[in-house]
Amino acid sequence: MYHASKHAVTVLTEGLRRELVQLGSKIKVTSVSPGVVVTEFLNLYGEERKNRLYAENPTLQSKDIADAVVYTLGTPPHVQIHEIIIKPVGEKF
């Protein structure tokens, strides 16, 4: 279900971007799709499952995502970053 939901958010983001362009807006919209990030989110799955996932898979840190967002925000007004897909090297998903 997660993958379908994430794709839906990406499609909605693209639709919003296109609507803003049609309105002549200069607002920029970027979809950020990170891989596995070490956060509190996986606490929902329990300590054992969370630790196993982190041990078996390469991960990103929240700073990695923040750096990508800061880069996007720092682009000149004429540059539009549509989508950022950021994953750790070797991610299996």
Protein backbone atom coordinates (compact mmCIF):
# COMPACT_ATOMS: atom_id res chain seq x y z
CA MET A 1 0.00 0.00 0.00
CA TYR A 2 2.91 2.36 0.73
CA HIS A 3 4.16 2.31 -2.86
CA ALA A 4 0.72 3.05 -4.30
CA SER A 5 0.25 5.92 -1.84
CA LYS A 6 3.68 7.36 -2.63
CA HIS A 7 2.95 7.22 -6.36
CA ALA A 8 -0.37 8.97 -5.76
CA VAL A 9 1.41 11.79 -3.92
CA THR A 10 3.89 12.11 -6.81
CA VAL A 11 1.04 12.32 -9.34
CA LEU A 12 -0.79 14.92 -7.22
CA THR A 13 2.41 16.95 -6.96
CA GLU A 14 2.86 16.93 -10.73
CA GLY A 15 -0.78 17.97 -11.20
CA LEU A 16 -0.31 20.87 -8.78
CA ARG A 17 2.84 21.98 -10.59
CA ARG A 18 1.03 21.97 -13.95
CA GLU A 19 -1.93 23.93 -12.56
CA LEU A 20 0.43 26.56 -11.15
CA VAL A 21 2.18 26.87 -14.53
CA GLN A 22 -1.17 27.36 -16.28
CA LEU A 23 -1.99 30.14 -13.81
CA GLY A 24 1.31 31.84 -14.62
CA SER A 25 2.59 31.31 -11.09
CA LYS A 26 6.30 31.34 -10.32
CA ILE A 27 5.79 28.94 -7.40
CA LYS A 28 8.08 25.92 -7.72
CA VAL A 29 6.97 22.46 -6.57
CA THR A 30 9.33 19.55 -5.92
CA SER A 31 8.49 15.96 -5.01
CA VAL A 32 11.04 14.36 -2.69
CA SER A 33 11.12 10.55 -2.66
CA PRO A 34 13.67 9.22 -0.17
CA GLY A 35 14.78 5.65 0.33
CA VAL A 36 15.14 4.17 3.81
CA VAL A 37 15.95 6.96 6.26
CA VAL A 38 16.89 6.44 9.90
CA THR A 39 13.98 8.14 11.69
CA GLU A 40 11.43 7.42 14.40
CA PHE A 41 8.97 6.28 11.69
CA LEU A 42 10.08 2.65 11.90
CA ASN A 43 9.40 2.60 15.65
CA LEU A 44 5.85 1.69 14.59
CA TYR A 45 7.13 -1.75 13.57
CA GLY A 46 8.70 -2.57 16.91
CA GLU A 47 12.30 -2.49 18.06
CA GLU A 48 13.31 -5.92 16.75
CA ARG A 49 11.94 -5.44 13.23
CA LYS A 50 13.30 -1.89 13.04
CA ASN A 51 16.80 -2.98 14.09
CA ARG A 52 16.74 -5.87 11.60
CA LEU A 53 15.72 -3.55 8.75
CA TYR A 54 18.51 -1.11 9.57
CA ALA A 55 21.06 -3.94 9.93
CA GLU A 56 20.12 -5.59 6.61
CA ASN A 57 19.81 -2.46 4.48
CA PRO A 58 21.88 0.63 3.76
CA THR A 59 20.20 3.77 5.08
CA LEU A 60 20.17 7.51 4.70
CA GLN A 61 20.30 10.04 7.51
CA SER A 62 17.75 12.83 7.80
CA LYS A 63 20.56 15.30 7.02
CA ASP A 64 20.97 13.65 3.60
CA ILE A 65 17.37 14.54 2.77
CA ALA A 66 17.68 18.00 4.30
CA ASP A 67 20.76 18.69 2.15
CA ALA A 68 18.83 17.74 -1.00
CA VAL A 69 15.96 20.05 -0.02
CA VAL A 70 18.36 22.92 0.73
CA TYR A 71 19.96 22.38 -2.69
CA THR A 72 16.54 22.55 -4.34
CA LEU A 73 15.60 25.72 -2.47
CA GLY A 74 18.90 27.31 -3.49
CA THR A 75 18.34 26.98 -7.22
CA PRO A 76 17.88 30.14 -9.30
CA PRO A 77 14.32 31.32 -10.04
CA HIS A 78 14.44 29.92 -13.59
CA VAL A 79 15.34 26.39 -12.42
CA GLN A 80 12.61 23.87 -11.52
CA ILE A 81 13.58 20.61 -9.81
CA HIS A 82 10.55 18.40 -10.50
CA GLU A 83 11.51 15.38 -8.47
CA ILE A 84 14.31 14.16 -6.25
CA ILE A 85 14.68 10.41 -5.75
CA ILE A 86 17.40 9.89 -3.17
CA LYS A 87 18.42 6.44 -2.00
CA PRO A 88 21.44 4.97 -0.25
CA VAL A 89 23.88 3.08 -2.46
CA GLY A 90 22.89 -0.58 -2.50
CA GLU A 91 19.27 -0.14 -1.37
CA LYS A 92 17.25 -3.22 -2.34
CA PHE A 93 13.81 -1.59 -2.54
